[in-house]
């Protein structure tokens, strides 16, 4: 009987302790939620000082944690070298019995249970609506120990974005915005991001980080010329019998429809010399120099100056200082999205027994002679084609994500047949060896697209032939995929990237059918972001 009574008393004591701990946590949630509301009044300029009663629970358990231990937040924008903000958030934390912690951090209230899982009690000051992200971040510093009553005072603020002094303006032009939070409550932050923004959310469990990604609507108009090149400040030289013309695969192959309606579009300077001929028009955002029998059989539009021994006689059409060259946006985000969507075996068709892909290594097989890929989505660690790769799109579009390089050694080839679109999304570089080529039925360039990153390279060696579109626009930091074209190499379709030198019988044959084709299909997989508003609002929390 004594033992039983003791057991009952012990169980009762445990139940009382558990109930008391739960009540303490609930009271603390309310206290810190009240602190959240009152700190926001001070941080956002609606009050100079606020006081918060901490006596509802054991007040000696409250403390301010600043520095990196208080959590950090970073906001990054593509094309901006330094983060918009990289800020220690600080927190006011309560540590209860049994390992439960509740904290005010980043304008929100968070709780970590005894099992280590974080949950949101009150949302932070971060809002996404109608393509606008608003982040009036509230940071905390103050006394390491709080008791009785806490006083909240203003500690200054900073407008981070927009900020005209720093050249940061709305609307955003391109790329993506990342919000990175490092915190012991990172999972709860991530849950909030997923619930309120539908953005791309990625977790780094080792570093207790979560990243929210939102993308700026990209501008990728149809390919308007055989070459769409570079960025302001770059240069292109066309020389030594290089030739640019056009055809229209909507009406027939190159030999049946060859014409003089091409366009060469460059954001920077262009030199046309040594018997080079542009059978169409040139539009250059910078200076143009025509020399040594260089010839433009169409019109010339330039943004800087036009000069040289071949000017103006080397221009058959009109010439005007009226160029306005706008480069398309980078497809780096598109490639990343496609890779993330295809690298999971459950999301690709690598296991299709009818295609020549080794599912265990994510590589092509049997390509020493002829290998084949048909309609579907595929993921390759790299693409090396020593013989012939046949891509048959007769059953539908073919999408191939290549996480590394695409290499066609000397004399290798790719045959594209079937009439539907084939898209290669390439993380690495592209190399065509000597006499390597790809063919497309009817020379239909709109049916073969190779997407590359701004910092990538594409090399077409002697006598190489490319039919399709190499699409690698720049991103601000890079003018675009660096395309190198050696002796007698030919492109049927178009190149979008950074082309600096065209020489020695090289041919650019623009497919006019591209003017009616979308450059990027179904690109939007992450919610759009057009306007960004970020500020840092500092408060001190001290013992009264």
Foldseek 3Di string as FASTA:
>chain_A
DVVVVVVVVVVVVVVVVVVVLVVLVVVVLVQVVVVLVQLCCQLVPNDFKDKGFPPPHAQQQKFKDWDCQQKWKWKDFFLDPGTLDTDIAIWIWGATPLGKMWICTFSFIWIQHNVLAIATSGDHQWADDPQEIARQTEGEDAGGGADGMKMKGFDDKFWRPPDVVVPHHFQDAWFKMKMKIQHSNQVNVQVCCCVHFVFDWDADVVRRMIMGMATADWFFAFDQFQEAAFAAPAEAEAEAQEEEWAAALVVFFCVVGTALAGEHHEAYEYEFEHCYERSHEYAYAYEYEYEHNGAYAYEYEYQYYYYYPCPPVRYNYYYDNPHDRDATAFCPVLLVVLQVQAVDPVRWDQVPPQFQADPVQQEGPPLCAETEDEDIEGEHCEYERAAEYEYADQVHEYEYEHVEEHEYAALHEYEYERPAAYEYRYAAEYEYYANYEYDYVRLPQRRYEYHYEFDHEYEYEHQYEYRHEDAWAHRNVHRTHEYYYYANYEYHAHYYGHYHYHHHHYYRYHHPNSNPDGPDPPRDPGHHHGHYTYMYIYMYMYYD
